[in-house]
PDB file of N, CA and C in Angstrom:
ATOM      1  N   MET A   1      17.508 -20.934  13.614  1.00  0.00           N
ATOM      2  CA  MET A   1      18.137 -19.725  13.121  1.00  0.00           C
ATOM      3  C   MET A   1      18.526 -18.878  14.335  1.00  0.00           C
ATOM      4  N   CYS A   2      19.716 -18.324  14.300  1.00  0.00           N
ATOM      5  CA  CYS A   2      20.168 -17.562  15.463  1.00  0.00           C
ATOM      6  C   CYS A   2      19.446 -16.211  15.558  1.00  0.00           C
ATOM      7  N   LYS A   3      19.458 -15.698  16.754  1.00  0.00           N
ATOM      8  CA  LYS A   3      18.743 -14.452  17.043  1.00  0.00           C
ATOM      9  C   LYS A   3      19.243 -13.283  16.189  1.00  0.00           C
ATOM     10  N   ALA A   4      20.553 -13.181  15.976  1.00  0.00           N
ATOM     11  CA  ALA A   4      21.122 -12.073  15.200  1.00  0.00           C
ATOM     12  C   ALA A   4      20.612 -12.094  13.761  1.00  0.00           C
ATOM     13  N   ILE A   5      20.533 -13.283  13.164  1.00  0.00           N
ATOM     14  CA  ILE A   5      20.048 -13.385  11.781  1.00  0.00           C
ATOM     15  C   ILE A   5      18.572 -13.018  11.712  1.00  0.00           C
ATOM     16  N   LYS A   6      17.785 -13.478  12.684  1.00  0.00           N
ATOM     17  CA  LYS A   6      16.356 -13.129  12.722  1.00  0.00           C
ATOM     18  C   LYS A   6      16.172 -11.623  12.812  1.00  0.00           C
ATOM     19  N   GLU A   7      16.973 -10.984  13.644  1.00  0.00           N
ATOM     20  CA  GLU A   7      16.874  -9.529  13.798  1.00  0.00           C
ATOM     21  C   GLU A   7      17.285  -8.819  12.501  1.00  0.00           C
ATOM     22  N   MET A   8      18.305  -9.324  11.831  1.00  0.00           N
ATOM     23  CA  MET A   8      18.728  -8.719  10.563  1.00  0.00           C
ATOM     24  C   MET A   8      17.622  -8.844   9.520  1.00  0.00           C
ATOM     25  N   LEU A   9      16.987 -10.009   9.447  1.00  0.00           N
ATOM     26  CA  LEU A   9      15.893 -10.207   8.500  1.00  0.00           C
ATOM     27  C   LEU A   9      14.719  -9.296   8.825  1.00  0.00           C
ATOM     28  N   ARG A  10      14.388  -9.193  10.105  1.00  0.00           N
ATOM     29  CA  ARG A  10      13.288  -8.312  10.529  1.00  0.00           C
ATOM     30  C   ARG A  10      13.580  -6.864  10.164  1.00  0.00           C
ATOM     31  N   ASP A  11      14.807  -6.427  10.439  1.00  0.00           N
ATOM     32  CA  ASP A  11      15.194  -5.049  10.122  1.00  0.00           C
ATOM     33  C   ASP A  11      15.133  -4.794   8.616  1.00  0.00           C
ATOM     34  N   SER A  12      15.574  -5.767   7.827  1.00  0.00           N
ATOM     35  CA  SER A  12      15.538  -5.622   6.372  1.00  0.00           C
ATOM     36  C   SER A  12      14.107  -5.503   5.869  1.00  0.00           C
ATOM     37  N   ARG A  13      13.217  -6.316   6.427  1.00  0.00           N
ATOM     38  CA  ARG A  13      11.802  -6.238   6.022  1.00  0.00           C
ATOM     39  C   ARG A  13      11.207  -4.889   6.395  1.00  0.00           C
ATOM     40  N   GLN A  14      11.520  -4.403   7.581  1.00  0.00           N
ATOM     41  CA  GLN A  14      11.004  -3.101   8.009  1.00  0.00           C
ATOM     42  C   GLN A  14      11.510  -1.991   7.092  1.00  0.00           C
ATOM     43  N   GLU A  15      12.776  -2.044   6.735  1.00  0.00           N
ATOM     44  CA  GLU A  15      13.329  -1.035   5.830  1.00  0.00           C
ATOM     45  C   GLU A  15      12.645  -1.099   4.470  1.00  0.00           C
ATOM     46  N   GLY A  16      12.398  -2.317   3.993  1.00  0.00           N
ATOM     47  CA  GLY A  16      11.720  -2.484   2.711  1.00  0.00           C
ATOM     48  C   GLY A  16      10.313  -1.924   2.742  1.00  0.00           C
ATOM     49  N   ARG A  17       9.604  -2.162   3.839  1.00  0.00           N
ATOM     50  CA  ARG A  17       8.248  -1.617   3.969  1.00  0.00           C
ATOM     51  C   ARG A  17       8.269  -0.094   3.977  1.00  0.00           C
ATOM     52  N   GLN A  18       9.206   0.484   4.715  1.00  0.00           N
ATOM     53  CA  GLN A  18       9.313   1.946   4.773  1.00  0.00           C
ATOM     54  C   GLN A  18       9.600   2.525   3.396  1.00  0.00           C
ATOM     55  N   GLU A  19      10.528   1.892   2.674  1.00  0.00           N
ATOM     56  CA  GLU A  19      10.851   2.373   1.330  1.00  0.00           C
ATOM     57  C   GLU A  19       9.642   2.258   0.414  1.00  0.00           C
ATOM     58  N   GLY A  20       8.905   1.157   0.534  1.00  0.00           N
ATOM     59  CA  GLY A  20       7.707   0.965  -0.280  1.00  0.00           C
ATOM     60  C   GLY A  20       6.648   2.014   0.010  1.00  0.00           C
ATOM     61  N   ARG A  21       6.456   2.326   1.277  1.00  0.00           N
ATOM     62  CA  ARG A  21       5.481   3.363   1.639  1.00  0.00           C
ATOM     63  C   ARG A  21       5.902   4.722   1.093  1.00  0.00           C
ATOM     64  N   GLN A  22       7.181   5.038   1.199  1.00  0.00           N
ATOM     65  CA  GLN A  22       7.672   6.317   0.683  1.00  0.00           C
ATOM     66  C   GLN A  22       7.485   6.399  -0.823  1.00  0.00           C
ATOM     67  N   GLU A  23       7.801   5.327  -1.523  1.00  0.00           N
ATOM     68  CA  GLU A  23       7.626   5.314  -2.971  1.00  0.00           C
ATOM     69  C   GLU A  23       6.151   5.454  -3.330  1.00  0.00           C
ATOM     70  N   GLY A  24       5.287   4.763  -2.587  1.00  0.00           N
ATOM     71  CA  GLY A  24       3.848   4.848  -2.841  1.00  0.00           C
ATOM     72  C   GLY A  24       3.318   6.256  -2.623  1.00  0.00           C
ATOM     73  N   ARG A  25       3.775   6.894  -1.556  1.00  0.00           N
ATOM     74  CA  ARG A  25       3.349   8.277  -1.296  1.00  0.00           C
ATOM     75  C   ARG A  25       3.784   9.192  -2.432  1.00  0.00           C
ATOM     76  N   GLN A  26       5.022   9.029  -2.866  1.00  0.00           N
ATOM     77  CA  GLN A  26       5.542   9.882  -3.941  1.00  0.00           C
ATOM     78  C   GLN A  26       4.761   9.659  -5.231  1.00  0.00           C
ATOM     79  N   GLU A  27       4.455   8.406  -5.542  1.00  0.00           N
ATOM     80  CA  GLU A  27       3.675   8.116  -6.745  1.00  0.00           C
ATOM     81  C   GLU A  27       2.287   8.751  -6.653  1.00  0.00           C
ATOM     82  N   GLY A  28       1.663   8.660  -5.486  1.00  0.00           N
ATOM     83  CA  GLY A  28       0.343   9.258  -5.302  1.00  0.00           C
ATOM     84  C   GLY A  28       0.383  10.773  -5.453  1.00  0.00           C
ATOM     85  N   GLN A  29       1.410  11.384  -4.894  1.00  0.00           N
ATOM     86  CA  GLN A  29       1.552  12.837  -5.024  1.00  0.00           C
ATOM     87  C   GLN A  29       1.772  13.230  -6.480  1.00  0.00           C
ATOM     88  N   ASP A  30       2.587  12.448  -7.173  1.00  0.00           N
ATOM     89  CA  ASP A  30       2.850  12.742  -8.588  1.00  0.00           C
ATOM     90  C   ASP A  30       1.574  12.598  -9.414  1.00  0.00           C
ATOM     91  N   GLU A  31       0.785  11.558  -9.131  1.00  0.00           N
ATOM     92  CA  GLU A  31      -0.476  11.370  -9.854  1.00  0.00           C
ATOM     93  C   GLU A  31      -1.426  12.532  -9.612  1.00  0.00           C
ATOM     94  N   MET A  32      -1.539  12.952  -8.360  1.00  0.00           N
ATOM     95  CA  MET A  32      -2.436  14.068  -8.046  1.00  0.00           C
ATOM     96  C   MET A  32      -1.966  15.350  -8.716  1.00  0.00           C
ATOM     97  N   ALA A  33      -0.663  15.604  -8.700  1.00  0.00           N
ATOM     98  CA  ALA A  33      -0.139  16.813  -9.333  1.00  0.00           C
ATOM     99  C   ALA A  33      -0.441  16.800 -10.832  1.00  0.00           C
ATOM    100  N   THR A  34      -0.265  15.646 -11.453  1.00  0.00           N
ATOM    101  CA  THR A  34      -0.547  15.524 -12.879  1.00  0.00           C
ATOM    102  C   THR A  34      -2.030  15.721 -13.153  1.00  0.00           C
ATOM    103  N   LEU A  35      -2.885  15.120 -12.319  1.00  0.00           N
ATOM    104  CA  LEU A  35      -4.329  15.275 -12.503  1.00  0.00           C
ATOM    105  C   LEU A  35      -4.747  16.727 -12.341  1.00  0.00           C
ATOM    106  N   ILE A  36      -4.231  17.391 -11.334  1.00  0.00           N
ATOM    107  CA  ILE A  36      -4.555  18.797 -11.116  1.00  0.00           C
ATOM    108  C   ILE A  36      -4.119  19.633 -12.315  1.00  0.00           C
ATOM    109  N   GLU A  37      -2.926  19.389 -12.796  1.00  0.00           N
ATOM    110  CA  GLU A  37      -2.430  20.125 -13.963  1.00  0.00           C
ATOM    111  C   GLU A  37      -3.351  19.913 -15.168  1.00  0.00           C
ATOM    112  N   LYS A  38      -3.731  18.674 -15.424  1.00  0.00           N
ATOM    113  CA  LYS A  38      -4.590  18.372 -16.568  1.00  0.00           C
ATOM    114  C   LYS A  38      -5.976  19.003 -16.423  1.00  0.00           C
ATOM    115  N   LEU A  39      -6.518  19.007 -15.207  1.00  0.00           N
ATOM    116  CA  LEU A  39      -7.817  19.646 -14.988  1.00  0.00           C
ATOM    117  C   LEU A  39      -7.733  21.148 -15.244  1.00  0.00           C
ATOM    118  N   ILE A  40      -6.676  21.766 -14.777  1.00  0.00           N
ATOM    119  CA  ILE A  40      -6.499  23.204 -14.994  1.00  0.00           C
ATOM    120  C   ILE A  40      -6.358  23.499 -16.487  1.00  0.00           C
ATOM    121  N   LEU A  41      -5.514  22.734 -17.164  1.00  0.00           N
ATOM    122  CA  LEU A  41      -5.304  22.956 -18.596  1.00  0.00           C
ATOM    123  C   LEU A  41      -6.557  22.665 -19.416  1.00  0.00           C
ATOM    124  N   SER A  42      -7.437  21.805 -18.887  1.00  0.00           N
ATOM    125  CA  SER A  42      -8.690  21.488 -19.572  1.00  0.00           C
ATOM    126  C   SER A  42      -9.826  22.410 -19.135  1.00  0.00           C
ATOM    127  N   ASN A  43      -9.482  23.417 -18.329  1.00  0.00           N
ATOM    128  CA  ASN A  43     -10.455  24.374 -17.823  1.00  0.00           C
ATOM    129  C   ASN A  43     -11.585  23.686 -17.038  1.00  0.00           C
ATOM    130  N   ARG A  44     -11.194  22.680 -16.258  1.00  0.00           N
ATOM    131  CA  ARG A  44     -12.157  21.961 -15.421  1.00  0.00           C
ATOM    132  C   ARG A  44     -11.888  22.304 -13.952  1.00  0.00           C
ATOM    133  N   ILE A  45     -11.715  23.587 -13.697  1.00  0.00           N
ATOM    134  CA  ILE A  45     -11.341  24.094 -12.381  1.00  0.00           C
ATOM    135  C   ILE A  45     -12.359  23.686 -11.310  1.00  0.00           C
ATOM    136  N   SER A  46     -13.621  23.691 -11.673  1.00  0.00           N
ATOM    137  CA  SER A  46     -14.669  23.392 -10.691  1.00  0.00           C
ATOM    138  C   SER A  46     -14.574  21.959 -10.167  1.00  0.00           C
ATOM    139  N   GLU A  47     -13.838  21.095 -10.848  1.00  0.00           N
ATOM    140  CA  GLU A  47     -13.725  19.708 -10.424  1.00  0.00           C
ATOM    141  C   GLU A  47     -12.555  19.468  -9.471  1.00  0.00           C
ATOM    142  N   LEU A  48     -11.737  20.475  -9.262  1.00  0.00           N
ATOM    143  CA  LEU A  48     -10.568  20.313  -8.408  1.00  0.00           C
ATOM    144  C   LEU A  48     -10.937  19.909  -6.985  1.00  0.00           C
ATOM    145  N   LEU A  49     -11.890  20.584  -6.389  1.00  0.00           N
ATOM    146  CA  LEU A  49     -12.277  20.256  -5.024  1.00  0.00           C
ATOM    147  C   LEU A  49     -12.853  18.847  -4.950  1.00  0.00           C
ATOM    148  N   LYS A  50     -13.645  18.481  -5.932  1.00  0.00           N
ATOM    149  CA  LYS A  50     -14.268  17.157  -5.919  1.00  0.00           C
ATOM    150  C   LYS A  50     -13.230  16.035  -5.950  1.00  0.00           C
ATOM    151  N   VAL A  51     -12.166  16.202  -6.713  1.00  0.00           N
ATOM    152  CA  VAL A  51     -11.160  15.136  -6.772  1.00  0.00           C
ATOM    153  C   VAL A  51     -10.391  15.000  -5.455  1.00  0.00           C
ATOM    154  N   THR A  52     -10.414  16.038  -4.638  1.00  0.00           N
ATOM    155  CA  THR A  52      -9.728  15.941  -3.345  1.00  0.00           C
ATOM    156  C   THR A  52     -10.586  15.272  -2.291  1.00  0.00           C
ATOM    157  N   THR A  53     -11.884  15.185  -2.522  1.00  0.00           N
ATOM    158  CA  THR A  53     -12.782  14.631  -1.506  1.00  0.00           C
ATOM    159  C   THR A  53     -13.521  13.374  -1.949  1.00  0.00           C
ATOM    160  N   ASP A  54     -13.593  13.120  -3.231  1.00  0.00           N
ATOM    161  CA  ASP A  54     -14.371  11.994  -3.760  1.00  0.00           C
ATOM    162  C   ASP A  54     -13.425  10.992  -4.430  1.00  0.00           C
ATOM    163  N   LYS A  55     -13.093   9.928  -3.711  1.00  0.00           N
ATOM    164  CA  LYS A  55     -12.113   8.955  -4.191  1.00  0.00           C
ATOM    165  C   LYS A  55     -12.549   8.290  -5.501  1.00  0.00           C
ATOM    166  N   GLU A  56     -13.815   7.918  -5.593  1.00  0.00           N
ATOM    167  CA  GLU A  56     -14.303   7.262  -6.809  1.00  0.00           C
ATOM    168  C   GLU A  56     -14.189   8.188  -8.015  1.00  0.00           C
ATOM    169  N   TYR A  57     -14.568   9.442  -7.834  1.00  0.00           N
ATOM    170  CA  TYR A  57     -14.486  10.412  -8.932  1.00  0.00           C
ATOM    171  C   TYR A  57     -13.027  10.644  -9.322  1.00  0.00           C
ATOM    172  N   ARG A  58     -12.163  10.756  -8.314  1.00  0.00           N
ATOM    173  CA  ARG A  58     -10.738  10.953  -8.568  1.00  0.00           C
ATOM    174  C   ARG A  58     -10.188   9.790  -9.385  1.00  0.00           C
ATOM    175  N   ASN A  59     -10.511   8.560  -8.995  1.00  0.00           N
ATOM    176  CA  ASN A  59     -10.035   7.394  -9.732  1.00  0.00           C
ATOM    177  C   ASN A  59     -10.566   7.379 -11.163  1.00  0.00           C
ATOM    178  N   LYS A  60     -11.823   7.807 -11.331  1.00  0.00           N
ATOM    179  CA  LYS A  60     -12.413   7.885 -12.670  1.00  0.00           C
ATOM    180  C   LYS A  60     -11.606   8.840 -13.545  1.00  0.00           C
ATOM    181  N   LEU A  61     -11.257  10.002 -12.994  1.00  0.00           N
ATOM    182  CA  LEU A  61     -10.495  10.978 -13.768  1.00  0.00           C
ATOM    183  C   LEU A  61      -9.055  10.539 -14.009  1.00  0.00           C
ATOM    184  N   LEU A  62      -8.465   9.853 -13.031  1.00  0.00           N
ATOM    185  CA  LEU A  62      -7.113   9.335 -13.231  1.00  0.00           C
ATOM    186  C   LEU A  62      -7.079   8.369 -14.414  1.00  0.00           C
ATOM    187  N   ILE A  63      -8.112   7.554 -14.515  1.00  0.00           N
ATOM    188  CA  ILE A  63      -8.217   6.626 -15.643  1.00  0.00           C
ATOM    189  C   ILE A  63      -8.520   7.390 -16.935  1.00  0.00           C
ATOM    190  N   GLU A  64      -9.462   8.330 -16.857  1.00  0.00           N
ATOM    191  CA  GLU A  64      -9.831   9.127 -18.033  1.00  0.00           C
ATOM    192  C   GLU A  64      -8.628   9.802 -18.666  1.00  0.00           C
ATOM    193  N   TYR A  65      -7.744  10.336 -17.825  1.00  0.00           N
ATOM    194  CA  TYR A  65      -6.567  11.040 -18.317  1.00  0.00           C
ATOM    195  C   TYR A  65      -5.370  10.110 -18.543  1.00  0.00           C
ATOM    196  N   GLY A  66      -5.550   8.823 -18.295  1.00  0.00           N
ATOM    197  CA  GLY A  66      -4.474   7.865 -18.505  1.00  0.00           C
ATOM    198  C   GLY A  66      -3.323   8.006 -17.522  1.00  0.00           C
ATOM    199  N   ILE A  67      -3.634   8.465 -16.326  1.00  0.00           N
ATOM    200  CA  ILE A  67      -2.606   8.666 -15.310  1.00  0.00           C
ATOM    201  C   ILE A  67      -2.403   7.409 -14.479  1.00  0.00           C
ATOM    202  N   ALA A  68      -3.491   6.717 -14.206  1.00  0.00           N
ATOM    203  CA  ALA A  68      -3.410   5.489 -13.383  1.00  0.00           C
ATOM    204  C   ALA A  68      -3.737   4.276 -14.205  1.00  0.00           C
TER     205      ALA A  68
END
């Protein structure tokens, strides 16, 4: 395979990875925003800090609220 084609394939893969990371970040931000909104509306304000620091608890609540 010629060098130009290899470079094009490499560049395409890098662009795909960047797009995937951006989409993943946006999805994570959207999930957190939704979780925060649901906690506030459920008057579970005291749990807000915990979901920002405790990954297991955050995942539990994401599942509980049907977000993830």
